[in-house]
Amino acid sequence: MTCLLAHPRNPNCVIMSTEFALTFASSYIAISNQIITGDEDEVTPLVRQRVYETLCLAIKHYPPDLDNNDLIKMTEDGMTHKNRTARLSAGSVFSITAPIHIWMFASGRFSTNS
C-alpha cells in the first residue's frame, strides 16, 4: 500500500515522495504504535516484525518528522524487546532514521529535550 501511494505508476521502490509526506508518515507511525501496543499473546514477535517492516517502507517513501516522540519511543522499545526478531526489525527503522538524526543534531536542528 505504501508503494502504491508513493509511486503508483512506477514499480521501483527507489522514489521518495515529499507530497503529503508528514501526513502519511504521521499516520503510519500512529497506526503502527497502536498495533504493537498490547499483551504479548496479542502482539507476537511476528506482528512486531511486520509492523516495523511496514514502517520502514513508509519512512523510505515519506520521511517523517524526526522529532516524533512516538517514533523514537516505538523504536527504542522495539530495540530492547526480549525477542531477537523484534529487536532486529526495530533496528532497521533506527538504521533508516539514525543518519538523519545525527545530521540534525550536528547542525543544531535537533533538540535532545523532546
C-alpha atoms as a PDB file:
ATOM      1  CA  MET A   1       0.000   0.000   0.000  1.00  0.00           C
ATOM      2  CA  THR A   2       2.816   2.397   0.838  1.00  0.00           C
ATOM      3  CA  CYS A   3       4.491   1.892  -2.533  1.00  0.00           C
ATOM      4  CA  LEU A   4       1.193   2.256  -4.358  1.00  0.00           C
ATOM      5  CA  LEU A   5       0.559   5.597  -2.667  1.00  0.00           C
ATOM      6  CA  ALA A   6       4.111   6.887  -3.152  1.00  0.00           C
ATOM      7  CA  HIS A   7       4.652   5.916  -6.786  1.00  0.00           C
ATOM      8  CA  PRO A   8       1.526   4.466  -8.411  1.00  0.00           C
ATOM      9  CA  ARG A   9       2.960   4.383 -11.934  1.00  0.00           C
ATOM     10  CA  ASN A  10       6.436   3.146 -11.099  1.00  0.00           C
ATOM     11  CA  PRO A  11       7.105  -0.381  -9.753  1.00  0.00           C
ATOM     12  CA  ASN A  12      10.562   0.598  -8.435  1.00  0.00           C
ATOM     13  CA  CYS A  13      10.875   1.367  -4.734  1.00  0.00           C
ATOM     14  CA  VAL A  14      13.569   3.990  -5.058  1.00  0.00           C
ATOM     15  CA  ILE A  15      11.370   7.058  -5.126  1.00  0.00           C
ATOM     16  CA  MET A  16      10.877   9.187  -2.051  1.00  0.00           C
ATOM     17  CA  SER A  17       7.735  11.247  -2.163  1.00  0.00           C
ATOM     18  CA  THR A  18       7.515  14.619  -0.476  1.00  0.00           C
ATOM     19  CA  GLU A  19       3.875  15.136  -1.373  1.00  0.00           C
ATOM     20  CA  PHE A  20       1.738  14.612   1.747  1.00  0.00           C
ATOM     21  CA  ALA A  21       4.866  13.302   3.485  1.00  0.00           C
ATOM     22  CA  LEU A  22       4.133  14.434   7.033  1.00  0.00           C
ATOM     23  CA  THR A  23       0.515  13.344   6.856  1.00  0.00           C
ATOM     24  CA  PHE A  24       1.300   9.818   5.692  1.00  0.00           C
ATOM     25  CA  ALA A  25       4.337   9.343   7.907  1.00  0.00           C
ATOM     26  CA  SER A  26       2.496  10.564  10.997  1.00  0.00           C
ATOM     27  CA  SER A  27      -0.452   8.323  10.180  1.00  0.00           C
ATOM     28  CA  TYR A  28       1.736   5.248   9.701  1.00  0.00           C
ATOM     29  CA  ILE A  29       3.556   5.950  12.958  1.00  0.00           C
ATOM     30  CA  ALA A  30       0.335   6.443  14.926  1.00  0.00           C
ATOM     31  CA  ILE A  31      -1.279   3.315  13.480  1.00  0.00           C
ATOM     32  CA  SER A  32       1.872   1.241  13.966  1.00  0.00           C
ATOM     33  CA  ASN A  33       2.152   2.342  17.567  1.00  0.00           C
ATOM     34  CA  GLN A  34      -1.419   1.238  18.261  1.00  0.00           C
ATOM     35  CA  ILE A  35      -0.896  -2.138  16.593  1.00  0.00           C
ATOM     36  CA  ILE A  36       2.116  -3.040  18.739  1.00  0.00           C
ATOM     37  CA  THR A  37       0.522  -1.843  21.971  1.00  0.00           C
ATOM     38  CA  GLY A  38      -0.955  -4.804  23.807  1.00  0.00           C
ATOM     39  CA  ASP A  39      -0.328  -8.055  25.608  1.00  0.00           C
ATOM     40  CA  GLU A  40       2.393 -10.452  24.459  1.00  0.00           C
ATOM     41  CA  ASP A  41      -0.196 -13.043  23.418  1.00  0.00           C
ATOM     42  CA  GLU A  42      -1.834 -10.479  21.084  1.00  0.00           C
ATOM     43  CA  VAL A  43       1.282  -8.706  19.857  1.00  0.00           C
ATOM     44  CA  THR A  44       3.558 -11.561  18.889  1.00  0.00           C
ATOM     45  CA  PRO A  45       7.134 -11.100  17.649  1.00  0.00           C
ATOM     46  CA  LEU A  46       5.854 -11.773  14.116  1.00  0.00           C
ATOM     47  CA  VAL A  47       3.324  -8.932  14.464  1.00  0.00           C
ATOM     48  CA  ARG A  48       6.098  -6.629  15.673  1.00  0.00           C
ATOM     49  CA  GLN A  49       8.337  -7.677  12.789  1.00  0.00           C
ATOM     50  CA  ARG A  50       5.642  -6.942  10.210  1.00  0.00           C
ATOM     51  CA  VAL A  51       4.816  -3.580  11.781  1.00  0.00           C
ATOM     52  CA  TYR A  52       8.459  -2.480  11.752  1.00  0.00           C
ATOM     53  CA  GLU A  53       8.927  -3.721   8.164  1.00  0.00           C
ATOM     54  CA  THR A  54       5.886  -1.731   7.050  1.00  0.00           C
ATOM     55  CA  LEU A  55       7.103   1.282   8.982  1.00  0.00           C
ATOM     56  CA  CYS A  56      10.451   1.048   7.168  1.00  0.00           C
ATOM     57  CA  LEU A  57       8.659   1.187   3.825  1.00  0.00           C
ATOM     58  CA  ALA A  58       6.574   4.139   4.981  1.00  0.00           C
ATOM     59  CA  ILE A  59       9.667   6.031   6.161  1.00  0.00           C
ATOM     60  CA  LYS A  60      11.505   5.144   2.958  1.00  0.00           C
ATOM     61  CA  HIS A  61       8.774   6.789   0.901  1.00  0.00           C
ATOM     62  CA  TYR A  62       7.535   9.504   3.253  1.00  0.00           C
ATOM     63  CA  PRO A  63      10.232  10.853   5.572  1.00  0.00           C
ATOM     64  CA  PRO A  64       8.618  11.566   8.954  1.00  0.00           C
ATOM     65  CA  ASP A  65       9.011  14.427  11.339  1.00  0.00           C
ATOM     66  CA  LEU A  66      12.022  13.008  13.153  1.00  0.00           C
ATOM     67  CA  ASP A  67      11.123  14.817  16.356  1.00  0.00           C
ATOM     68  CA  ASN A  68       8.131  12.483  16.562  1.00  0.00           C
ATOM     69  CA  ASN A  69       8.273  11.105  20.104  1.00  0.00           C
ATOM     70  CA  ASP A  70       6.085   8.117  19.186  1.00  0.00           C
ATOM     71  CA  LEU A  71       8.557   7.024  16.517  1.00  0.00           C
ATOM     72  CA  ILE A  72      11.518   7.440  18.864  1.00  0.00           C
ATOM     73  CA  LYS A  73       9.845   5.569  21.741  1.00  0.00           C
ATOM     74  CA  MET A  74       8.495   2.822  19.493  1.00  0.00           C
ATOM     75  CA  THR A  75      11.955   2.246  18.005  1.00  0.00           C
ATOM     76  CA  GLU A  76      13.654   2.274  21.423  1.00  0.00           C
ATOM     77  CA  ASP A  77      11.091  -0.138  22.876  1.00  0.00           C
ATOM     78  CA  GLY A  78      11.475  -2.472  19.922  1.00  0.00           C
ATOM     79  CA  MET A  79      15.257  -2.448  20.149  1.00  0.00           C
ATOM     80  CA  THR A  80      15.095  -3.529  23.791  1.00  0.00           C
ATOM     81  CA  HIS A  81      12.386  -6.173  23.299  1.00  0.00           C
ATOM     82  CA  LYS A  82      13.208  -9.649  24.606  1.00  0.00           C
ATOM     83  CA  ASN A  83      12.657 -11.230  21.180  1.00  0.00           C
ATOM     84  CA  ARG A  84      15.575 -11.003  18.764  1.00  0.00           C
ATOM     85  CA  THR A  85      13.369 -10.724  15.669  1.00  0.00           C
ATOM     86  CA  ALA A  86      11.561  -7.756  17.175  1.00  0.00           C
ATOM     87  CA  ARG A  87      14.897  -6.102  18.061  1.00  0.00           C
ATOM     88  CA  LEU A  88      16.284  -6.601  14.557  1.00  0.00           C
ATOM     89  CA  SER A  89      13.133  -5.259  12.935  1.00  0.00           C
ATOM     90  CA  ALA A  90      13.121  -2.178  15.166  1.00  0.00           C
ATOM     91  CA  GLY A  91      16.806  -1.750  14.407  1.00  0.00           C
ATOM     92  CA  SER A  92      16.001  -1.493  10.722  1.00  0.00           C
ATOM     93  CA  VAL A  93      13.759   1.518  11.480  1.00  0.00           C
ATOM     94  CA  PHE A  94      16.582   3.016  13.520  1.00  0.00           C
ATOM     95  CA  SER A  95      19.080   2.425  10.704  1.00  0.00           C
ATOM     96  CA  ILE A  96      16.922   4.481   8.339  1.00  0.00           C
ATOM     97  CA  THR A  97      16.362   7.379  10.731  1.00  0.00           C
ATOM     98  CA  ALA A  98      19.688   7.481  12.632  1.00  0.00           C
ATOM     99  CA  PRO A  99      21.790   9.191   9.931  1.00  0.00           C
ATOM    100  CA  ILE A 100      19.194  11.930   9.637  1.00  0.00           C
ATOM    101  CA  HIS A 101      19.046  12.338  13.428  1.00  0.00           C
ATOM    102  CA  ILE A 102      22.842  12.608  13.576  1.00  0.00           C
ATOM    103  CA  TRP A 103      22.862  15.246  10.845  1.00  0.00           C
ATOM    104  CA  MET A 104      20.068  17.195  12.560  1.00  0.00           C
ATOM    105  CA  PHE A 105      21.837  17.046  15.920  1.00  0.00           C
ATOM    106  CA  ALA A 106      25.187  18.104  14.434  1.00  0.00           C
ATOM    107  CA  SER A 107      23.600  21.016  12.590  1.00  0.00           C
ATOM    108  CA  GLY A 108      21.695  22.200  15.679  1.00  0.00           C
ATOM    109  CA  ARG A 109      18.286  21.310  14.226  1.00  0.00           C
ATOM    110  CA  PHE A 110      17.526  18.539  16.705  1.00  0.00           C
ATOM    111  CA  SER A 111      16.976  19.021  20.396  1.00  0.00           C
ATOM    112  CA  THR A 112      17.595  16.320  22.997  1.00  0.00           C
ATOM    113  CA  ASN A 113      14.821  17.853  25.101  1.00  0.00           C
ATOM    114  CA  SER A 114      11.990  16.339  23.029  1.00  0.00           C
END
